[in-house]
């Protein structure tokens, strides 16, 4: 009988602990979902930045090619004179 009385006394605390664990689990799930959304946003931003960087590099390379062509023209012109 004593064990049964101890169990009866312990049940309310166990149920309260269970409720607390359920609430904490829900909070952690919500945080995980929010972190997942933030991670997806950061991945998209990273993709856009990489694309932008590639465009800038292409524009820079094109400008360098054009400058090289202009320098060759100047050098050719000076060598003719």
Protein backbone atom coordinates (compact mmCIF):
# COMPACT_ATOMS: atom_id res chain seq x y z
CA UNK A 1 0.00 0.00 0.00
CA UNK A 2 2.81 2.39 0.79
CA UNK A 3 4.17 2.09 -2.76
CA UNK A 4 0.73 2.88 -4.15
CA UNK A 5 0.47 5.98 -1.97
CA UNK A 6 3.91 7.14 -3.13
CA UNK A 7 2.83 6.61 -6.72
CA UNK A 8 -0.37 8.57 -6.15
CA UNK A 9 1.64 11.42 -4.66
CA UNK A 10 4.14 11.37 -7.50
CA UNK A 11 1.62 11.30 -10.38
CA UNK A 12 0.71 15.04 -10.29
CA UNK A 13 4.40 16.03 -10.49
CA UNK A 14 5.02 13.57 -13.31
CA UNK A 15 2.04 14.97 -15.23
CA UNK A 16 3.29 18.52 -14.66
CA UNK A 17 6.75 17.46 -15.88
CA UNK A 18 5.16 15.89 -18.95
CA UNK A 19 3.28 19.12 -19.70
CA UNK A 20 6.49 21.12 -19.30
CA UNK A 21 8.35 18.76 -21.64
CA UNK A 22 5.57 19.03 -24.24
CA UNK A 23 5.69 22.83 -24.04
CA UNK A 24 9.48 22.83 -24.35
CA UNK A 25 9.28 20.43 -27.29
CA UNK A 26 6.80 22.73 -29.05
CA UNK A 27 9.06 25.73 -28.43
CA UNK A 28 12.10 23.88 -29.77
CA UNK A 29 10.16 22.77 -32.86
CA UNK A 30 9.10 26.36 -33.51
CA UNK A 31 12.70 27.53 -33.13
CA UNK A 32 13.89 24.81 -35.51
CA UNK A 33 11.33 25.87 -38.11
CA UNK A 34 12.37 29.51 -37.74
CA UNK A 35 16.06 28.58 -38.01
CA UNK A 36 15.28 26.54 -41.12
CA UNK A 37 13.56 29.54 -42.69
CA UNK A 38 16.51 31.78 -41.80
CA UNK A 39 18.92 29.23 -43.25
CA UNK A 40 16.91 29.12 -46.48
CA UNK A 41 16.97 32.93 -46.67
CA UNK A 42 20.72 32.98 -46.11
CA UNK A 43 21.25 30.31 -48.76
CA UNK A 44 19.22 32.36 -51.24
CA UNK A 45 21.14 35.51 -50.36
CA UNK A 46 24.40 33.61 -50.76
CA UNK A 47 23.29 32.36 -54.19
CA UNK A 48 22.41 35.91 -55.27
CA UNK A 49 25.74 37.24 -54.00
CA UNK A 50 27.64 34.54 -55.88
CA UNK A 51 25.75 35.35 -59.06
CA UNK A 52 26.43 39.05 -58.58
CA UNK A 53 30.11 38.37 -57.95
CA UNK A 54 30.31 36.29 -61.12
CA UNK A 55 28.72 39.14 -63.09
CA UNK A 56 31.18 41.63 -61.60
CA UNK A 57 34.10 39.37 -62.43
CA UNK A 58 32.85 39.00 -66.02
CA UNK A 59 32.46 42.77 -66.35
CA UNK A 60 35.95 43.30 -64.91
CA UNK A 61 37.47 40.74 -67.29
CA UNK A 62 35.70 42.36 -70.23
CA UNK A 63 36.96 45.80 -69.20
CA UNK A 64 40.50 44.44 -68.91
CA UNK A 65 40.26 42.92 -72.40
CA UNK A 66 39.06 46.24 -73.80
CA UNK A 67 41.88 48.12 -72.04
CA UNK A 68 44.43 45.65 -73.40
CA UNK A 69 43.04 46.15 -76.90
CA UNK A 70 43.29 49.93 -76.52
CA UNK A 71 46.86 49.66 -75.26
CA UNK A 72 47.79 47.47 -78.24
CA UNK A 73 46.31 50.05 -80.60
CA UNK A 74 48.34 52.80 -78.91
CA UNK A 75 51.50 50.70 -79.06
CA UNK A 76 50.90 49.84 -82.71
CA UNK A 77 50.30 53.49 -83.52
CA UNK A 78 53.50 54.55 -81.72
CA UNK A 79 55.55 51.87 -83.45
CA UNK A 80 54.37 53.07 -86.87
CA UNK A 81 55.56 56.59 -86.20
